[in-house]
Amino acid sequence: MAGQSDPHLTLFSAEEIEFVAEDEMVEIVPNMRMDSLNLICGDYGPFYPQIATEVPLWLAIALKKRGKCAIRPPEWMSVEKLTQTLEAERESQGSFQILPFHYVEISKLLFDHAREDVPDMYLVRSLIEDIRDVRFHKVETSLESIDTRTSAVKIKDLSAMEVNIVRPFVGRALQAIYKHGNPELVPDQERMTNVQSQGHDHGQRRPLRRR
């Protein structure tokens, strides 16, 4: 699918979606003793050596970078679970397996910052890439049924990154079909452009600062 390789065709950048995904909870195993952290987003800790505890992914990565903990990959990232998911995705052509909404971003962040904590990391990464490919193929197949009678497209159990890629593509596809078959249903592009530009007059989007 085109959006997989062209970031200009998506609603949000990969960095922005990763930023949101960093609030997902993961389990860490500290190697130090530290009092509780009282943060705006919640209280975490106290931390004791070799006693597992849950923290947001951004905090886990920050502690990992300082050599203060190991990160335990989520259960769904095991080779066994991913193999089962891949097989189920291939067998169920009309539906998608339920995966964490940020499975793409979580796995990428762990590969980038804690690869030594992921057992069979290269195999795990290969399985996740295969799962993504199968799921995008099923999305493309489901979109082949779009015609002039289609007013909306509903696809259940997609992840955040998949939705970000698929949604603008579907919008453009529906608009092209309406323009060809029912021109009166297509919104006035000049008027829509003016409205959008007015809504973005507050300035350019500022780049996210890493936590």
C-alpha atoms as a PDB file:
ATOM      1  CA  MET A   1       0.000   0.000   0.000  1.00  0.00           C
ATOM      2  CA  ALA A   2       1.336   3.409  -0.975  1.00  0.00           C
ATOM      3  CA  GLY A   3       1.085   4.910   2.506  1.00  0.00           C
ATOM      4  CA  GLN A   4       3.549   2.347   3.844  1.00  0.00           C
ATOM      5  CA  SER A   5       6.379   4.074   2.017  1.00  0.00           C
ATOM      6  CA  ASP A   6       5.184   7.667   1.726  1.00  0.00           C
ATOM      7  CA  PRO A   7       4.837   9.544   5.057  1.00  0.00           C
ATOM      8  CA  HIS A   8       3.198  12.500   3.266  1.00  0.00           C
ATOM      9  CA  LEU A   9       0.067  10.413   2.638  1.00  0.00           C
ATOM     10  CA  THR A  10      -0.657   9.757   6.325  1.00  0.00           C
ATOM     11  CA  LEU A  11      -2.463  11.873   8.895  1.00  0.00           C
ATOM     12  CA  PHE A  12       0.236  11.661  11.550  1.00  0.00           C
ATOM     13  CA  SER A  13       3.934  11.012  11.374  1.00  0.00           C
ATOM     14  CA  ALA A  14       5.393   7.765  12.694  1.00  0.00           C
ATOM     15  CA  GLU A  15       7.114   9.780  15.434  1.00  0.00           C
ATOM     16  CA  GLU A  16       3.814  11.236  16.619  1.00  0.00           C
ATOM     17  CA  ILE A  17       2.181   7.825  16.862  1.00  0.00           C
ATOM     18  CA  GLU A  18       5.230   6.460  18.679  1.00  0.00           C
ATOM     19  CA  PHE A  19       4.976   9.354  21.128  1.00  0.00           C
ATOM     20  CA  VAL A  20       1.422   8.295  22.013  1.00  0.00           C
ATOM     21  CA  ALA A  21       2.438   4.632  22.222  1.00  0.00           C
ATOM     22  CA  GLU A  22       5.087   5.454  24.817  1.00  0.00           C
ATOM     23  CA  ASP A  23       2.299   5.786  27.408  1.00  0.00           C
ATOM     24  CA  GLU A  24       1.567   2.046  27.147  1.00  0.00           C
ATOM     25  CA  MET A  25       2.516   0.091  30.263  1.00  0.00           C
ATOM     26  CA  VAL A  26       5.346  -2.456  30.215  1.00  0.00           C
ATOM     27  CA  GLU A  27       7.081  -4.535  32.850  1.00  0.00           C
ATOM     28  CA  ILE A  28      10.634  -3.821  33.922  1.00  0.00           C
ATOM     29  CA  VAL A  29      13.077  -5.535  36.261  1.00  0.00           C
ATOM     30  CA  PRO A  30      15.125  -2.866  38.070  1.00  0.00           C
ATOM     31  CA  ASN A  31      18.715  -3.498  39.120  1.00  0.00           C
ATOM     32  CA  MET A  32      18.724  -0.669  41.683  1.00  0.00           C
ATOM     33  CA  ARG A  33      16.752   0.572  44.663  1.00  0.00           C
ATOM     34  CA  MET A  34      14.834   3.817  44.201  1.00  0.00           C
ATOM     35  CA  ASP A  35      11.934   5.593  45.890  1.00  0.00           C
ATOM     36  CA  SER A  36       8.603   6.089  44.152  1.00  0.00           C
ATOM     37  CA  LEU A  37       8.401   8.570  41.291  1.00  0.00           C
ATOM     38  CA  ASN A  38       5.459  10.928  41.755  1.00  0.00           C
ATOM     39  CA  LEU A  39       4.684  12.235  38.292  1.00  0.00           C
ATOM     40  CA  ILE A  40       1.773  14.131  36.753  1.00  0.00           C
ATOM     41  CA  CYS A  41       0.739  10.985  34.864  1.00  0.00           C
ATOM     42  CA  GLY A  42       0.853   8.800  37.983  1.00  0.00           C
ATOM     43  CA  ASP A  43       2.993   7.304  40.725  1.00  0.00           C
ATOM     44  CA  TYR A  44       5.476   4.543  39.883  1.00  0.00           C
ATOM     45  CA  GLY A  45       7.607   2.507  42.218  1.00  0.00           C
ATOM     46  CA  PRO A  46       9.204   2.118  44.688  1.00  0.00           C
ATOM     47  CA  PHE A  47      11.792   0.144  42.768  1.00  0.00           C
ATOM     48  CA  TYR A  48      13.723  -2.796  44.212  1.00  0.00           C
ATOM     49  CA  PRO A  49      16.425  -4.914  42.557  1.00  0.00           C
ATOM     50  CA  GLN A  50      15.062  -7.921  40.658  1.00  0.00           C
ATOM     51  CA  ILE A  51      11.451  -7.121  41.646  1.00  0.00           C
ATOM     52  CA  ALA A  52       9.349  -6.638  38.491  1.00  0.00           C
ATOM     53  CA  THR A  53       7.059  -3.622  38.263  1.00  0.00           C
ATOM     54  CA  GLU A  54       5.007  -1.847  35.597  1.00  0.00           C
ATOM     55  CA  VAL A  55       5.843   1.598  34.227  1.00  0.00           C
ATOM     56  CA  PRO A  56       5.007   3.536  31.036  1.00  0.00           C
ATOM     57  CA  LEU A  57       7.143   2.583  28.068  1.00  0.00           C
ATOM     58  CA  TRP A  58       8.793   6.026  27.940  1.00  0.00           C
ATOM     59  CA  LEU A  59       9.960   5.626  31.555  1.00  0.00           C
ATOM     60  CA  ALA A  60      11.150   2.084  30.904  1.00  0.00           C
ATOM     61  CA  ILE A  61      13.238   3.321  27.962  1.00  0.00           C
ATOM     62  CA  ALA A  62      14.663   6.199  30.021  1.00  0.00           C
ATOM     63  CA  LEU A  63      15.731   3.805  32.813  1.00  0.00           C
ATOM     64  CA  LYS A  64      17.071   1.318  30.269  1.00  0.00           C
ATOM     65  CA  LYS A  65      19.264   3.984  28.665  1.00  0.00           C
ATOM     66  CA  ARG A  66      20.788   4.667  32.100  1.00  0.00           C
ATOM     67  CA  GLY A  67      21.436   0.995  32.732  1.00  0.00           C
ATOM     68  CA  LYS A  68      18.912   0.900  35.585  1.00  0.00           C
ATOM     69  CA  CYS A  69      16.649  -1.918  34.388  1.00  0.00           C
ATOM     70  CA  ALA A  70      15.831  -4.622  31.899  1.00  0.00           C
ATOM     71  CA  ILE A  71      12.550  -4.496  29.981  1.00  0.00           C
ATOM     72  CA  ARG A  72      10.359  -7.560  29.764  1.00  0.00           C
ATOM     73  CA  PRO A  73       8.746  -7.826  26.328  1.00  0.00           C
ATOM     74  CA  PRO A  74       4.953  -8.213  26.389  1.00  0.00           C
ATOM     75  CA  GLU A  75       3.611 -11.757  26.249  1.00  0.00           C
ATOM     76  CA  TRP A  76       2.266 -11.229  22.717  1.00  0.00           C
ATOM     77  CA  MET A  77       5.849 -10.638  21.488  1.00  0.00           C
ATOM     78  CA  SER A  78       6.955 -14.216  22.131  1.00  0.00           C
ATOM     79  CA  VAL A  79       7.841 -16.359  19.110  1.00  0.00           C
ATOM     80  CA  GLU A  80       5.073 -18.814  20.005  1.00  0.00           C
ATOM     81  CA  LYS A  81       2.353 -16.151  20.234  1.00  0.00           C
ATOM     82  CA  LEU A  82       3.461 -14.358  17.070  1.00  0.00           C
ATOM     83  CA  THR A  83       3.623 -17.621  15.120  1.00  0.00           C
ATOM     84  CA  GLN A  84       0.060 -18.423  16.212  1.00  0.00           C
ATOM     85  CA  THR A  85      -1.060 -14.916  15.243  1.00  0.00           C
ATOM     86  CA  LEU A  86       0.576 -15.135  11.815  1.00  0.00           C
ATOM     87  CA  GLU A  87      -1.051 -18.492  11.097  1.00  0.00           C
ATOM     88  CA  ALA A  88      -4.444 -17.193  12.232  1.00  0.00           C
ATOM     89  CA  GLU A  89      -4.071 -14.061  10.069  1.00  0.00           C
ATOM     90  CA  ARG A  90      -3.366 -16.194   7.017  1.00  0.00           C
ATOM     91  CA  GLU A  91      -6.297 -18.526   7.692  1.00  0.00           C
ATOM     92  CA  SER A  92      -8.919 -15.840   8.469  1.00  0.00           C
ATOM     93  CA  GLN A  93      -9.125 -13.847   5.232  1.00  0.00           C
ATOM     94  CA  GLY A  94     -12.262 -11.966   6.276  1.00  0.00           C
ATOM     95  CA  SER A  95     -11.122 -10.714   9.686  1.00  0.00           C
ATOM     96  CA  PHE A  96      -8.111  -9.465  11.613  1.00  0.00           C
ATOM     97  CA  GLN A  97      -6.575 -10.930  14.738  1.00  0.00           C
ATOM     98  CA  ILE A  98      -6.810  -8.768  17.835  1.00  0.00           C
ATOM     99  CA  LEU A  99      -3.422  -7.236  18.578  1.00  0.00           C
ATOM    100  CA  PRO A 100      -2.441  -4.351  20.868  1.00  0.00           C
ATOM    101  CA  PHE A 101      -3.488  -1.050  19.276  1.00  0.00           C
ATOM    102  CA  HIS A 102       0.160   0.072  19.273  1.00  0.00           C
ATOM    103  CA  TYR A 103       1.813  -3.263  18.525  1.00  0.00           C
ATOM    104  CA  VAL A 104       3.877  -1.787  15.654  1.00  0.00           C
ATOM    105  CA  GLU A 105       5.225   1.117  17.696  1.00  0.00           C
ATOM    106  CA  ILE A 106       5.844  -0.891  20.882  1.00  0.00           C
ATOM    107  CA  SER A 107       7.836  -3.533  19.038  1.00  0.00           C
ATOM    108  CA  LYS A 108       9.855  -0.919  17.132  1.00  0.00           C
ATOM    109  CA  LEU A 109      10.726   0.968  20.312  1.00  0.00           C
ATOM    110  CA  LEU A 110      11.846  -2.233  22.021  1.00  0.00           C
ATOM    111  CA  PHE A 111      13.918  -3.233  18.986  1.00  0.00           C
ATOM    112  CA  ASP A 112      15.541   0.218  18.981  1.00  0.00           C
ATOM    113  CA  HIS A 113      16.235   0.562  22.712  1.00  0.00           C
ATOM    114  CA  ALA A 114      16.142  -2.904  24.324  1.00  0.00           C
ATOM    115  CA  ARG A 115      16.929  -5.461  21.649  1.00  0.00           C
ATOM    116  CA  GLU A 116      19.064  -7.477  24.063  1.00  0.00           C
ATOM    117  CA  ASP A 117      15.972  -7.927  26.256  1.00  0.00           C
ATOM    118  CA  VAL A 118      13.925  -9.483  23.419  1.00  0.00           C
ATOM    119  CA  PRO A 119      14.546 -13.245  23.111  1.00  0.00           C
ATOM    120  CA  ASP A 120      15.059 -14.332  19.489  1.00  0.00           C
ATOM    121  CA  MET A 121      14.887 -10.683  18.467  1.00  0.00           C
ATOM    122  CA  TYR A 122      15.529 -11.210  14.755  1.00  0.00           C
ATOM    123  CA  LEU A 123      12.902 -13.933  14.495  1.00  0.00           C
ATOM    124  CA  VAL A 124      10.415 -11.823  16.460  1.00  0.00           C
ATOM    125  CA  ARG A 125      11.005  -8.852  14.169  1.00  0.00           C
ATOM    126  CA  SER A 126      10.601 -11.033  11.081  1.00  0.00           C
ATOM    127  CA  LEU A 127       7.310 -12.459  12.394  1.00  0.00           C
ATOM    128  CA  ILE A 128       5.920  -8.995  13.130  1.00  0.00           C
ATOM    129  CA  GLU A 129       6.869  -7.806   9.632  1.00  0.00           C
ATOM    130  CA  ASP A 130       5.132 -10.864   8.150  1.00  0.00           C
ATOM    131  CA  ILE A 131       2.025 -10.175  10.222  1.00  0.00           C
ATOM    132  CA  ARG A 132       1.955  -6.569   9.006  1.00  0.00           C
ATOM    133  CA  ASP A 133       2.319  -7.670   5.386  1.00  0.00           C
ATOM    134  CA  VAL A 134      -0.529 -10.179   5.658  1.00  0.00           C
ATOM    135  CA  ARG A 135      -2.785  -7.639   7.339  1.00  0.00           C
ATOM    136  CA  PHE A 136      -2.103  -4.965   4.702  1.00  0.00           C
ATOM    137  CA  HIS A 137      -2.790  -7.478   1.960  1.00  0.00           C
ATOM    138  CA  LYS A 138      -6.163  -8.216   3.564  1.00  0.00           C
ATOM    139  CA  VAL A 139      -6.889  -4.479   3.781  1.00  0.00           C
ATOM    140  CA  GLU A 140      -6.136  -4.053   0.083  1.00  0.00           C
ATOM    141  CA  THR A 141      -8.349  -7.032  -0.757  1.00  0.00           C
ATOM    142  CA  SER A 142     -11.245  -5.645   1.291  1.00  0.00           C
ATOM    143  CA  LEU A 143     -10.941  -2.259  -0.451  1.00  0.00           C
ATOM    144  CA  GLU A 144     -11.418  -3.875  -3.867  1.00  0.00           C
ATOM    145  CA  SER A 145     -15.157  -4.022  -3.138  1.00  0.00           C
ATOM    146  CA  ILE A 146     -15.502  -0.202  -2.987  1.00  0.00           C
ATOM    147  CA  ASP A 147     -17.868   1.166  -5.639  1.00  0.00           C
ATOM    148  CA  THR A 148     -20.239   4.103  -6.164  1.00  0.00           C
ATOM    149  CA  ARG A 149     -22.688   2.626  -3.657  1.00  0.00           C
ATOM    150  CA  THR A 150     -20.093   2.669  -0.877  1.00  0.00           C
ATOM    151  CA  SER A 151     -20.573   5.502   1.613  1.00  0.00           C
ATOM    152  CA  ALA A 152     -18.208   4.295   4.327  1.00  0.00           C
ATOM    153  CA  VAL A 153     -15.663   1.570   4.974  1.00  0.00           C
ATOM    154  CA  LYS A 154     -15.543  -0.331   8.265  1.00  0.00           C
ATOM    155  CA  ILE A 155     -12.520  -2.480   9.089  1.00  0.00           C
ATOM    156  CA  LYS A 156     -12.312  -3.846  12.632  1.00  0.00           C
ATOM    157  CA  ASP A 157      -9.250  -4.529  14.785  1.00  0.00           C
ATOM    158  CA  LEU A 158      -6.670  -2.448  12.915  1.00  0.00           C
ATOM    159  CA  SER A 159      -3.770  -0.955  14.854  1.00  0.00           C
ATOM    160  CA  ALA A 160      -2.955   2.742  15.220  1.00  0.00           C
ATOM    161  CA  MET A 161      -0.270   2.718  12.522  1.00  0.00           C
ATOM    162  CA  GLU A 162      -2.471   0.724  10.155  1.00  0.00           C
ATOM    163  CA  VAL A 163      -5.406   3.098  10.640  1.00  0.00           C
ATOM    164  CA  ASN A 164      -3.099   6.062  10.058  1.00  0.00           C
ATOM    165  CA  ILE A 165      -2.078   4.631   6.682  1.00  0.00           C
ATOM    166  CA  VAL A 166      -5.453   3.247   5.567  1.00  0.00           C
ATOM    167  CA  ARG A 167      -7.796   6.104   6.513  1.00  0.00           C
ATOM    168  CA  PRO A 168      -6.479   8.815   4.143  1.00  0.00           C
ATOM    169  CA  PHE A 169      -6.137   6.266   1.338  1.00  0.00           C
ATOM    170  CA  VAL A 170      -9.782   5.213   1.736  1.00  0.00           C
ATOM    171  CA  GLY A 171     -10.878   8.850   1.800  1.00  0.00           C
ATOM    172  CA  ARG A 172      -9.114   9.605  -1.469  1.00  0.00           C
ATOM    173  CA  ALA A 173     -10.433   6.414  -3.067  1.00  0.00           C
ATOM    174  CA  LEU A 174     -14.045   7.218  -2.146  1.00  0.00           C
ATOM    175  CA  GLN A 175     -13.632  10.777  -3.377  1.00  0.00           C
ATOM    176  CA  ALA A 176     -12.252   9.576  -6.723  1.00  0.00           C
ATOM    177  CA  ILE A 177     -15.138   7.122  -7.141  1.00  0.00           C
ATOM    178  CA  TYR A 178     -17.748   9.749  -6.287  1.00  0.00           C
ATOM    179  CA  LYS A 179     -16.117  12.233  -8.638  1.00  0.00           C
ATOM    180  CA  HIS A 180     -16.335   9.730 -11.462  1.00  0.00           C
ATOM    181  CA  GLY A 181     -19.835   8.401 -10.780  1.00  0.00           C
ATOM    182  CA  ASN A 182     -21.576  11.085  -8.708  1.00  0.00           C
ATOM    183  CA  PRO A 183     -19.814  14.458  -9.075  1.00  0.00           C
ATOM    184  CA  GLU A 184     -22.507  16.231  -7.052  1.00  0.00           C
ATOM    185  CA  LEU A 185     -21.475  14.232  -3.949  1.00  0.00           C
ATOM    186  CA  VAL A 186     -17.884  15.491  -4.002  1.00  0.00           C
ATOM    187  CA  PRO A 187     -17.236  18.445  -1.620  1.00  0.00           C
ATOM    188  CA  ASP A 188     -16.025  21.737  -3.062  1.00  0.00           C
ATOM    189  CA  GLN A 189     -12.252  21.266  -2.738  1.00  0.00           C
ATOM    190  CA  GLU A 190     -11.489  25.005  -2.801  1.00  0.00           C
ATOM    191  CA  ARG A 191     -13.910  25.639   0.041  1.00  0.00           C
ATOM    192  CA  MET A 192     -12.603  22.678   2.049  1.00  0.00           C
ATOM    193  CA  THR A 193      -9.014  23.824   1.532  1.00  0.00           C
ATOM    194  CA  ASN A 194      -9.864  27.302   2.810  1.00  0.00           C
ATOM    195  CA  VAL A 195     -11.570  25.882   5.894  1.00  0.00           C
ATOM    196  CA  GLN A 196      -8.611  23.603   6.658  1.00  0.00           C
ATOM    197  CA  SER A 197      -6.094  26.385   6.190  1.00  0.00           C
ATOM    198  CA  GLN A 198      -8.058  28.600   8.578  1.00  0.00           C
ATOM    199  CA  GLY A 199      -7.991  25.840  11.134  1.00  0.00           C
ATOM    200  CA  HIS A 200      -4.196  25.598  10.878  1.00  0.00           C
ATOM    201  CA  ASP A 201      -3.405  29.322  10.998  1.00  0.00           C
ATOM    202  CA  HIS A 202      -2.042  28.935  14.525  1.00  0.00           C
ATOM    203  CA  GLY A 203       1.350  28.083  13.066  1.00  0.00           C
ATOM    204  CA  GLN A 204       3.248  25.093  11.839  1.00  0.00           C
ATOM    205  CA  ARG A 205       3.198  21.899  13.809  1.00  0.00           C
ATOM    206  CA  ARG A 206       6.160  21.863  16.156  1.00  0.00           C
ATOM    207  CA  PRO A 207       8.395  18.782  16.157  1.00  0.00           C
ATOM    208  CA  LEU A 208       8.045  16.523  19.198  1.00  0.00           C
ATOM    209  CA  ARG A 209      10.824  16.666  21.724  1.00  0.00           C
ATOM    210  CA  ARG A 210      12.002  13.271  22.855  1.00  0.00           C
ATOM    211  CA  ARG A 211      11.221  12.428  26.462  1.00  0.00           C
END
